[in-house]
Amino acid sequence: MRVLVVGGSGFLGREVCRRGVQAGLSVVGTFHRTEIGVPGVAERRLDVTDRAAVRALVAEVRPDAVVATPYRYDDWTVTADGTAHVALAAAEVGARLVHLSSDALHGGRPQPYADDEPPSPVNAYGAAKAAAETAVRAIDPGAALVRTSLILGEGSKQIQLCRDALAGRAVLFTDEVRCPVDVTDLADAVLELVGSSYAGLLNVAGADAVSRAELGLLVAERFRLDATGLKTTTAAAVGVVRPSDVRLDSTRAAGLLRTRLRGVRELLA
């Protein structure tokens, strides 16, 4: 099977490329600026905002499946329009599509979100991710749409943010709750979905819901760092407009997938 990973130089995309090669797949990965650097991956430069370029590359590669991970936090054209371009191109060649979405499209509440709940974005990034989902579902009803959370692992921005907060260089919010997932677990789940016929929305996140501040304490314990200097505040206090309490219920994924979605407390034990 030939798999095209759009956004292969990203944190998750690179891991999907790596795990795909290990599984014996023929993997083509795209990058915009930074090359992927995974042995066995055929690399192609691509600007997902260029619809013609996306169509041309997908038509040339003729993948059996496409894993779509493109996003840029502050750029609608990459996150929303770019995803639509990829979905259209995949549909034109009849490729299986697995799209990576985000818990950021929810507004936040104490109760966990089920897989099929409609978006309720509170900022531009969440709205862009919601628009991307709308485009994918309209273009390819058979696509799998993976809603995930904070992604952890070696080189994770989330772990580095915690380290910075422990060193007094950043702050962590006590009122922002997520369900962190390990990058290898998420990549394996994505590749399972590539080989399946699952269609529609699916929450794929870790089993534990923790605040960013709690995550910082777990990082301190895991790496034996001094937690006394941990800087915390609330998103409300500093006026940051982001989803607050977003807990993804991944029960359906746990029953569907062989990959076990470990909780953050196990990951950082």
C-alpha atoms as a PDB file:
ATOM      1  CA  MET A   1       0.000   0.000   0.000  1.00  0.00           C
ATOM      2  CA  ARG A   2       1.223   3.481  -0.863  1.00  0.00           C
ATOM      3  CA  VAL A   3       0.406   6.141   1.722  1.00  0.00           C
ATOM      4  CA  LEU A   4       0.803   9.884   1.201  1.00  0.00           C
ATOM      5  CA  VAL A   5       1.337  11.804   4.444  1.00  0.00           C
ATOM      6  CA  VAL A   6       0.538  15.467   3.880  1.00  0.00           C
ATOM      7  CA  GLY A   7       2.396  17.425   6.528  1.00  0.00           C
ATOM      8  CA  GLY A   8       5.029  14.747   6.993  1.00  0.00           C
ATOM      9  CA  SER A   9       7.519  17.129   8.578  1.00  0.00           C
ATOM     10  CA  GLY A  10       5.202  17.915  11.504  1.00  0.00           C
ATOM     11  CA  PHE A  11       5.494  16.235  14.894  1.00  0.00           C
ATOM     12  CA  LEU A  12       2.712  13.738  14.220  1.00  0.00           C
ATOM     13  CA  GLY A  13       3.277  13.508  10.465  1.00  0.00           C
ATOM     14  CA  ARG A  14       6.892  12.487  10.931  1.00  0.00           C
ATOM     15  CA  GLU A  15       5.870   9.740  13.358  1.00  0.00           C
ATOM     16  CA  VAL A  16       3.204   8.466  10.951  1.00  0.00           C
ATOM     17  CA  CYS A  17       5.889   8.330   8.254  1.00  0.00           C
ATOM     18  CA  ARG A  18       8.280   6.480  10.558  1.00  0.00           C
ATOM     19  CA  ARG A  19       5.716   3.945  11.757  1.00  0.00           C
ATOM     20  CA  GLY A  20       4.427   3.468   8.217  1.00  0.00           C
ATOM     21  CA  VAL A  21       7.875   2.548   6.928  1.00  0.00           C
ATOM     22  CA  GLN A  22       8.332   0.163   9.858  1.00  0.00           C
ATOM     23  CA  ALA A  23       5.029  -1.485   8.935  1.00  0.00           C
ATOM     24  CA  GLY A  24       6.266  -2.111   5.398  1.00  0.00           C
ATOM     25  CA  LEU A  25       4.199   0.548   3.667  1.00  0.00           C
ATOM     26  CA  SER A  26       5.399   2.653   0.742  1.00  0.00           C
ATOM     27  CA  VAL A  27       5.388   6.137   2.263  1.00  0.00           C
ATOM     28  CA  VAL A  28       5.532   9.492   0.499  1.00  0.00           C
ATOM     29  CA  GLY A  29       5.650  12.502   2.797  1.00  0.00           C
ATOM     30  CA  THR A  30       5.222  16.173   2.005  1.00  0.00           C
ATOM     31  CA  PHE A  31       6.913  19.135   3.638  1.00  0.00           C
ATOM     32  CA  HIS A  32       6.759  22.880   3.162  1.00  0.00           C
ATOM     33  CA  ARG A  33      10.018  24.203   4.627  1.00  0.00           C
ATOM     34  CA  THR A  34      11.688  21.605   6.867  1.00  0.00           C
ATOM     35  CA  GLU A  35      12.492  18.236   5.320  1.00  0.00           C
ATOM     36  CA  ILE A  36      11.163  15.093   7.001  1.00  0.00           C
ATOM     37  CA  GLY A  37      14.415  13.188   7.428  1.00  0.00           C
ATOM     38  CA  VAL A  38      12.934   9.708   7.956  1.00  0.00           C
ATOM     39  CA  PRO A  39      14.816   6.899   6.144  1.00  0.00           C
ATOM     40  CA  GLY A  40      12.672   5.136   3.583  1.00  0.00           C
ATOM     41  CA  VAL A  41      10.283   8.053   3.042  1.00  0.00           C
ATOM     42  CA  ALA A  42      10.086   9.652  -0.406  1.00  0.00           C
ATOM     43  CA  GLU A  43       9.911  13.400   0.288  1.00  0.00           C
ATOM     44  CA  ARG A  44       8.094  15.980  -1.791  1.00  0.00           C
ATOM     45  CA  ARG A  45       7.820  19.721  -1.183  1.00  0.00           C
ATOM     46  CA  LEU A  46       4.223  20.980  -1.204  1.00  0.00           C
ATOM     47  CA  ASP A  47       2.295  24.145  -0.448  1.00  0.00           C
ATOM     48  CA  VAL A  48      -1.200  22.969   0.491  1.00  0.00           C
ATOM     49  CA  THR A  49      -2.662  26.415  -0.201  1.00  0.00           C
ATOM     50  CA  ASP A  50      -1.850  25.876  -3.902  1.00  0.00           C
ATOM     51  CA  ARG A  51      -4.789  23.796  -5.078  1.00  0.00           C
ATOM     52  CA  ALA A  52      -3.289  23.021  -8.478  1.00  0.00           C
ATOM     53  CA  ALA A  53      -0.027  21.865  -6.911  1.00  0.00           C
ATOM     54  CA  VAL A  54      -1.877  19.578  -4.497  1.00  0.00           C
ATOM     55  CA  ARG A  55      -3.905  18.024  -7.298  1.00  0.00           C
ATOM     56  CA  ALA A  56      -0.824  17.532  -9.452  1.00  0.00           C
ATOM     57  CA  LEU A  57       1.182  15.852  -6.686  1.00  0.00           C
ATOM     58  CA  VAL A  58      -1.615  13.504  -5.650  1.00  0.00           C
ATOM     59  CA  ALA A  59      -2.304  12.603  -9.274  1.00  0.00           C
ATOM     60  CA  GLU A  60       1.391  11.814  -9.752  1.00  0.00           C
ATOM     61  CA  VAL A  61       1.824   9.787  -6.556  1.00  0.00           C
ATOM     62  CA  ARG A  62      -1.501   7.918  -6.947  1.00  0.00           C
ATOM     63  CA  PRO A  63      -1.654   6.892  -3.286  1.00  0.00           C
ATOM     64  CA  ASP A  64      -3.958   4.222  -1.938  1.00  0.00           C
ATOM     65  CA  ALA A  65      -4.460   6.362   1.156  1.00  0.00           C
ATOM     66  CA  VAL A  66      -3.839   9.932   2.251  1.00  0.00           C
ATOM     67  CA  VAL A  67      -3.176  11.028   5.826  1.00  0.00           C
ATOM     68  CA  ALA A  68      -3.933  14.746   6.056  1.00  0.00           C
ATOM     69  CA  THR A  69      -2.283  16.653   8.915  1.00  0.00           C
ATOM     70  CA  PRO A  70      -1.831  20.190   7.531  1.00  0.00           C
ATOM     71  CA  TYR A  71      -2.396  23.075   9.920  1.00  0.00           C
ATOM     72  CA  ARG A  72      -0.908  26.371  10.960  1.00  0.00           C
ATOM     73  CA  TYR A  73      -2.343  27.845  14.137  1.00  0.00           C
ATOM     74  CA  ASP A  74      -2.836  31.368  12.828  1.00  0.00           C
ATOM     75  CA  ASP A  75      -3.448  30.636   9.143  1.00  0.00           C
ATOM     76  CA  TRP A  76      -6.934  29.777   7.872  1.00  0.00           C
ATOM     77  CA  THR A  77      -5.695  29.123   4.329  1.00  0.00           C
ATOM     78  CA  VAL A  78      -3.433  26.302   5.520  1.00  0.00           C
ATOM     79  CA  THR A  79      -5.731  24.777   8.141  1.00  0.00           C
ATOM     80  CA  ALA A  80      -9.087  25.020   6.366  1.00  0.00           C
ATOM     81  CA  ASP A  81      -8.494  25.681   2.662  1.00  0.00           C
ATOM     82  CA  GLY A  82      -5.414  23.443   2.528  1.00  0.00           C
ATOM     83  CA  THR A  83      -7.359  20.547   4.010  1.00  0.00           C
ATOM     84  CA  ALA A  84     -10.118  21.015   1.444  1.00  0.00           C
ATOM     85  CA  HIS A  85      -7.552  20.943  -1.371  1.00  0.00           C
ATOM     86  CA  VAL A  86      -6.114  17.685  -0.043  1.00  0.00           C
ATOM     87  CA  ALA A  87      -9.544  16.102   0.354  1.00  0.00           C
ATOM     88  CA  LEU A  88     -10.548  17.040  -3.192  1.00  0.00           C
ATOM     89  CA  ALA A  89      -7.316  15.676  -4.644  1.00  0.00           C
ATOM     90  CA  ALA A  90      -7.627  12.422  -2.672  1.00  0.00           C
ATOM     91  CA  ALA A  91     -11.207  11.979  -3.860  1.00  0.00           C
ATOM     92  CA  GLU A  92     -10.156  12.501  -7.486  1.00  0.00           C
ATOM     93  CA  VAL A  93      -7.812   9.487  -7.339  1.00  0.00           C
ATOM     94  CA  GLY A  94     -10.076   7.379  -5.122  1.00  0.00           C
ATOM     95  CA  ALA A  95      -7.686   7.351  -2.174  1.00  0.00           C
ATOM     96  CA  ARG A  96      -8.731   6.480   1.372  1.00  0.00           C
ATOM     97  CA  LEU A  97      -8.597   9.681   3.470  1.00  0.00           C
ATOM     98  CA  VAL A  98      -7.751   9.983   7.170  1.00  0.00           C
ATOM     99  CA  HIS A  99      -7.991  13.594   8.333  1.00  0.00           C
ATOM    100  CA  LEU A 100      -6.466  14.842  11.598  1.00  0.00           C
ATOM    101  CA  SER A 101      -8.710  17.208  13.489  1.00  0.00           C
ATOM    102  CA  SER A 102      -8.472  18.689  16.978  1.00  0.00           C
ATOM    103  CA  ASP A 103     -10.226  19.085  20.314  1.00  0.00           C
ATOM    104  CA  ALA A 104      -9.708  22.840  19.780  1.00  0.00           C
ATOM    105  CA  LEU A 105     -12.959  23.014  17.808  1.00  0.00           C
ATOM    106  CA  HIS A 106     -14.917  22.497  21.033  1.00  0.00           C
ATOM    107  CA  GLY A 107     -15.690  25.379  23.364  1.00  0.00           C
ATOM    108  CA  GLY A 108     -15.116  23.562  26.651  1.00  0.00           C
ATOM    109  CA  ARG A 109     -17.368  22.175  29.422  1.00  0.00           C
ATOM    110  CA  PRO A 110     -17.054  19.811  32.400  1.00  0.00           C
ATOM    111  CA  GLN A 111     -18.756  16.885  30.600  1.00  0.00           C
ATOM    112  CA  PRO A 112     -16.703  14.812  28.117  1.00  0.00           C
ATOM    113  CA  TYR A 113     -17.355  15.283  24.406  1.00  0.00           C
ATOM    114  CA  ALA A 114     -18.604  12.297  22.412  1.00  0.00           C
ATOM    115  CA  ASP A 115     -17.257  11.526  18.948  1.00  0.00           C
ATOM    116  CA  ASP A 116     -20.136  12.990  16.948  1.00  0.00           C
ATOM    117  CA  GLU A 117     -20.759  16.229  18.818  1.00  0.00           C
ATOM    118  CA  PRO A 118     -20.902  19.349  16.623  1.00  0.00           C
ATOM    119  CA  PRO A 119     -18.114  21.932  16.871  1.00  0.00           C
ATOM    120  CA  SER A 120     -18.507  24.943  19.142  1.00  0.00           C
ATOM    121  CA  PRO A 121     -15.334  26.961  18.452  1.00  0.00           C
ATOM    122  CA  VAL A 122     -14.410  29.980  20.541  1.00  0.00           C
ATOM    123  CA  ASN A 123     -11.417  31.219  18.533  1.00  0.00           C
ATOM    124  CA  ALA A 124     -10.166  31.432  14.944  1.00  0.00           C
ATOM    125  CA  TYR A 125      -8.104  28.244  15.104  1.00  0.00           C
ATOM    126  CA  GLY A 126     -11.046  26.211  16.360  1.00  0.00           C
ATOM    127  CA  ALA A 127     -13.223  27.694  13.628  1.00  0.00           C
ATOM    128  CA  ALA A 128     -10.628  26.767  10.999  1.00  0.00           C
ATOM    129  CA  LYS A 129     -10.489  23.175  12.240  1.00  0.00           C
ATOM    130  CA  ALA A 130     -14.293  23.036  12.212  1.00  0.00           C
ATOM    131  CA  ALA A 131     -14.338  24.344   8.640  1.00  0.00           C
ATOM    132  CA  ALA A 132     -11.758  21.729   7.646  1.00  0.00           C
ATOM    133  CA  GLU A 133     -13.993  18.976   9.017  1.00  0.00           C
ATOM    134  CA  THR A 134     -16.992  20.381   7.159  1.00  0.00           C
ATOM    135  CA  ALA A 135     -15.058  20.339   3.891  1.00  0.00           C
ATOM    136  CA  VAL A 136     -13.804  16.783   4.383  1.00  0.00           C
ATOM    137  CA  ARG A 137     -17.248  15.432   5.252  1.00  0.00           C
ATOM    138  CA  ALA A 138     -18.824  17.146   2.240  1.00  0.00           C
ATOM    139  CA  ILE A 139     -16.139  15.978  -0.190  1.00  0.00           C
ATOM    140  CA  ASP A 140     -15.650  12.432   1.092  1.00  0.00           C
ATOM    141  CA  PRO A 141     -18.328  10.944   3.385  1.00  0.00           C
ATOM    142  CA  GLY A 142     -16.193   7.799   3.665  1.00  0.00           C
ATOM    143  CA  ALA A 143     -13.236   9.593   5.226  1.00  0.00           C
ATOM    144  CA  ALA A 144     -12.153   9.057   8.826  1.00  0.00           C
ATOM    145  CA  LEU A 145     -11.863  12.262  10.862  1.00  0.00           C
ATOM    146  CA  VAL A 146      -9.691  11.931  13.952  1.00  0.00           C
ATOM    147  CA  ARG A 147     -10.215  14.400  16.775  1.00  0.00           C
ATOM    148  CA  THR A 148      -7.231  14.352  19.077  1.00  0.00           C
ATOM    149  CA  SER A 149      -5.702  16.357  21.918  1.00  0.00           C
ATOM    150  CA  LEU A 150      -2.260  17.479  23.151  1.00  0.00           C
ATOM    151  CA  ILE A 151       0.387  15.250  21.561  1.00  0.00           C
ATOM    152  CA  LEU A 152       3.264  14.122  23.766  1.00  0.00           C
ATOM    153  CA  GLY A 153       6.539  12.359  23.032  1.00  0.00           C
ATOM    154  CA  GLU A 154      10.222  13.001  22.518  1.00  0.00           C
ATOM    155  CA  GLY A 155      10.592  16.492  21.083  1.00  0.00           C
ATOM    156  CA  SER A 156       6.996  17.464  21.914  1.00  0.00           C
ATOM    157  CA  LYS A 157       6.260  21.176  22.174  1.00  0.00           C
ATOM    158  CA  GLN A 158       3.942  20.355  25.058  1.00  0.00           C
ATOM    159  CA  ILE A 159       6.738  18.785  27.117  1.00  0.00           C
ATOM    160  CA  GLN A 160       9.038  21.700  26.323  1.00  0.00           C
ATOM    161  CA  LEU A 161       6.382  24.177  27.443  1.00  0.00           C
ATOM    162  CA  CYS A 162       6.161  22.355  30.763  1.00  0.00           C
ATOM    163  CA  ARG A 163       9.943  22.438  31.138  1.00  0.00           C
ATOM    164  CA  ASP A 164       9.927  26.172  30.424  1.00  0.00           C
ATOM    165  CA  ALA A 165       7.232  26.757  33.038  1.00  0.00           C
ATOM    166  CA  LEU A 166       9.163  24.729  35.596  1.00  0.00           C
ATOM    167  CA  ALA A 167      12.161  26.936  34.879  1.00  0.00           C
ATOM    168  CA  GLY A 168      10.087  30.102  35.234  1.00  0.00           C
ATOM    169  CA  ARG A 169      10.208  30.970  31.532  1.00  0.00           C
ATOM    170  CA  ALA A 170       6.511  30.303  30.797  1.00  0.00           C
ATOM    171  CA  VAL A 171       3.197  29.814  32.573  1.00  0.00           C
ATOM    172  CA  LEU A 172       0.761  26.911  32.594  1.00  0.00           C
ATOM    173  CA  PHE A 173      -2.994  27.308  32.953  1.00  0.00           C
ATOM    174  CA  THR A 174      -4.851  25.604  35.779  1.00  0.00           C
ATOM    175  CA  ASP A 175      -8.216  25.998  34.032  1.00  0.00           C
ATOM    176  CA  GLU A 176      -7.328  24.424  30.671  1.00  0.00           C
ATOM    177  CA  VAL A 177      -7.976  20.673  30.697  1.00  0.00           C
ATOM    178  CA  ARG A 178      -7.034  18.235  27.943  1.00  0.00           C
ATOM    179  CA  CYS A 179      -6.539  14.474  27.339  1.00  0.00           C
ATOM    180  CA  PRO A 180      -2.892  14.182  26.195  1.00  0.00           C
ATOM    181  CA  VAL A 181      -1.950  11.323  23.886  1.00  0.00           C
ATOM    182  CA  ASP A 182       1.394   9.765  23.012  1.00  0.00           C
ATOM    183  CA  VAL A 183       2.586  10.467  19.475  1.00  0.00           C
ATOM    184  CA  THR A 184       3.375   6.791  18.797  1.00  0.00           C
ATOM    185  CA  ASP A 185      -0.064   5.678  20.016  1.00  0.00           C
ATOM    186  CA  LEU A 186      -1.736   8.293  17.834  1.00  0.00           C
ATOM    187  CA  ALA A 187       0.371   7.437  14.783  1.00  0.00           C
ATOM    188  CA  ASP A 188      -0.411   3.722  15.160  1.00  0.00           C
ATOM    189  CA  ALA A 189      -4.118   4.512  15.516  1.00  0.00           C
ATOM    190  CA  VAL A 190      -4.017   6.631  12.359  1.00  0.00           C
ATOM    191  CA  LEU A 191      -2.348   3.832  10.407  1.00  0.00           C
ATOM    192  CA  GLU A 192      -4.946   1.373  11.671  1.00  0.00           C
ATOM    193  CA  LEU A 193      -7.639   3.688  10.327  1.00  0.00           C
ATOM    194  CA  VAL A 194      -5.811   3.896   6.990  1.00  0.00           C
ATOM    195  CA  GLY A 195      -6.329   0.159   6.619  1.00  0.00           C
ATOM    196  CA  SER A 196      -9.940   0.217   7.810  1.00  0.00           C
ATOM    197  CA  SER A 197     -13.248   1.310   6.339  1.00  0.00           C
ATOM    198  CA  TYR A 198     -14.255   3.442   9.323  1.00  0.00           C
ATOM    199  CA  ALA A 199     -16.090   6.579   8.227  1.00  0.00           C
ATOM    200  CA  GLY A 200     -16.877   9.685  10.224  1.00  0.00           C
ATOM    201  CA  LEU A 201     -15.695  11.289  13.435  1.00  0.00           C
ATOM    202  CA  LEU A 202     -13.589   9.486  16.019  1.00  0.00           C
ATOM    203  CA  ASN A 203     -12.068  10.788  19.243  1.00  0.00           C
ATOM    204  CA  VAL A 204      -8.519   9.440  19.598  1.00  0.00           C
ATOM    205  CA  ALA A 205      -6.993  10.811  22.782  1.00  0.00           C
ATOM    206  CA  GLY A 206      -5.421   9.640  26.018  1.00  0.00           C
ATOM    207  CA  ALA A 207      -7.369   8.138  28.889  1.00  0.00           C
ATOM    208  CA  ASP A 208      -6.493  10.824  31.471  1.00  0.00           C
ATOM    209  CA  ALA A 209      -7.880  14.356  31.637  1.00  0.00           C
ATOM    210  CA  VAL A 210      -5.398  16.779  33.221  1.00  0.00           C
ATOM    211  CA  SER A 211      -4.910  20.526  33.362  1.00  0.00           C
ATOM    212  CA  ARG A 212      -1.814  21.999  31.780  1.00  0.00           C
ATOM    213  CA  ALA A 213      -0.568  22.787  35.293  1.00  0.00           C
ATOM    214  CA  GLU A 214      -1.068  19.148  36.344  1.00  0.00           C
ATOM    215  CA  LEU A 215       0.805  18.075  33.226  1.00  0.00           C
ATOM    216  CA  GLY A 216       3.682  20.295  34.326  1.00  0.00           C
ATOM    217  CA  LEU A 217       3.825  18.525  37.690  1.00  0.00           C
ATOM    218  CA  LEU A 218       3.819  15.122  35.980  1.00  0.00           C
ATOM    219  CA  VAL A 219       6.693  16.233  33.732  1.00  0.00           C
ATOM    220  CA  ALA A 220       8.601  17.426  36.797  1.00  0.00           C
ATOM    221  CA  GLU A 221       8.129  14.061  38.475  1.00  0.00           C
ATOM    222  CA  ARG A 222       9.045  12.086  35.359  1.00  0.00           C
ATOM    223  CA  PHE A 223      12.271  13.991  34.687  1.00  0.00           C
ATOM    224  CA  ARG A 224      13.086  14.664  38.353  1.00  0.00           C
ATOM    225  CA  LEU A 225      12.852  18.421  37.982  1.00  0.00           C
ATOM    226  CA  ASP A 226      12.229  20.901  40.788  1.00  0.00           C
ATOM    227  CA  ALA A 227       8.540  21.824  40.746  1.00  0.00           C
ATOM    228  CA  THR A 228       8.726  24.623  43.284  1.00  0.00           C
ATOM    229  CA  GLY A 229       9.318  27.213  40.566  1.00  0.00           C
ATOM    230  CA  LEU A 230       6.359  26.126  38.419  1.00  0.00           C
ATOM    231  CA  LYS A 231       4.526  29.228  37.196  1.00  0.00           C
ATOM    232  CA  THR A 232       0.755  28.879  36.844  1.00  0.00           C
ATOM    233  CA  THR A 233      -2.200  31.144  36.181  1.00  0.00           C
ATOM    234  CA  THR A 234      -5.587  30.910  34.492  1.00  0.00           C
ATOM    235  CA  ALA A 235      -6.468  31.590  30.893  1.00  0.00           C
ATOM    236  CA  ALA A 236      -9.275  33.798  32.144  1.00  0.00           C
ATOM    237  CA  ALA A 237      -6.879  35.911  34.211  1.00  0.00           C
ATOM    238  CA  VAL A 238      -4.637  36.733  31.255  1.00  0.00           C
ATOM    239  CA  GLY A 239      -7.446  37.095  28.723  1.00  0.00           C
ATOM    240  CA  VAL A 240      -6.459  34.185  26.477  1.00  0.00           C
ATOM    241  CA  VAL A 241      -9.389  33.070  24.319  1.00  0.00           C
ATOM    242  CA  ARG A 242      -9.041  29.303  24.000  1.00  0.00           C
ATOM    243  CA  PRO A 243     -11.230  26.320  24.840  1.00  0.00           C
ATOM    244  CA  SER A 244     -11.115  25.634  28.574  1.00  0.00           C
ATOM    245  CA  ASP A 245     -12.166  22.186  29.794  1.00  0.00           C
ATOM    246  CA  VAL A 246     -12.139  19.815  26.799  1.00  0.00           C
ATOM    247  CA  ARG A 247     -12.288  16.125  27.638  1.00  0.00           C
ATOM    248  CA  LEU A 248     -12.616  13.731  24.704  1.00  0.00           C
ATOM    249  CA  ASP A 249     -14.458  10.475  25.321  1.00  0.00           C
ATOM    250  CA  SER A 250     -12.389   7.935  23.350  1.00  0.00           C
ATOM    251  CA  THR A 251     -14.449   4.880  24.321  1.00  0.00           C
ATOM    252  CA  ARG A 252     -15.409   4.175  20.714  1.00  0.00           C
ATOM    253  CA  ALA A 253     -11.772   4.247  19.571  1.00  0.00           C
ATOM    254  CA  ALA A 254     -10.735   1.989  22.445  1.00  0.00           C
ATOM    255  CA  GLY A 255     -13.235  -0.629  21.270  1.00  0.00           C
ATOM    256  CA  LEU A 256     -12.451  -0.218  17.585  1.00  0.00           C
ATOM    257  CA  LEU A 257      -8.647  -0.101  17.538  1.00  0.00           C
ATOM    258  CA  ARG A 258      -5.961  -2.577  18.543  1.00  0.00           C
ATOM    259  CA  THR A 259      -3.732   0.328  19.585  1.00  0.00           C
ATOM    260  CA  ARG A 260      -4.053   1.084  23.292  1.00  0.00           C
ATOM    261  CA  LEU A 261      -4.416   4.804  23.963  1.00  0.00           C
ATOM    262  CA  ARG A 262      -2.391   5.250  27.126  1.00  0.00           C
ATOM    263  CA  GLY A 263      -3.163   7.949  29.646  1.00  0.00           C
ATOM    264  CA  VAL A 264      -0.629  10.627  30.497  1.00  0.00           C
ATOM    265  CA  ARG A 265      -0.073   9.294  34.011  1.00  0.00           C
ATOM    266  CA  GLU A 266       1.079   5.976  32.531  1.00  0.00           C
ATOM    267  CA  LEU A 267       3.149   7.716  29.862  1.00  0.00           C
ATOM    268  CA  LEU A 268       5.032   9.834  32.403  1.00  0.00           C
ATOM    269  CA  ALA A 269       5.220   7.225  35.173  1.00  0.00           C
END
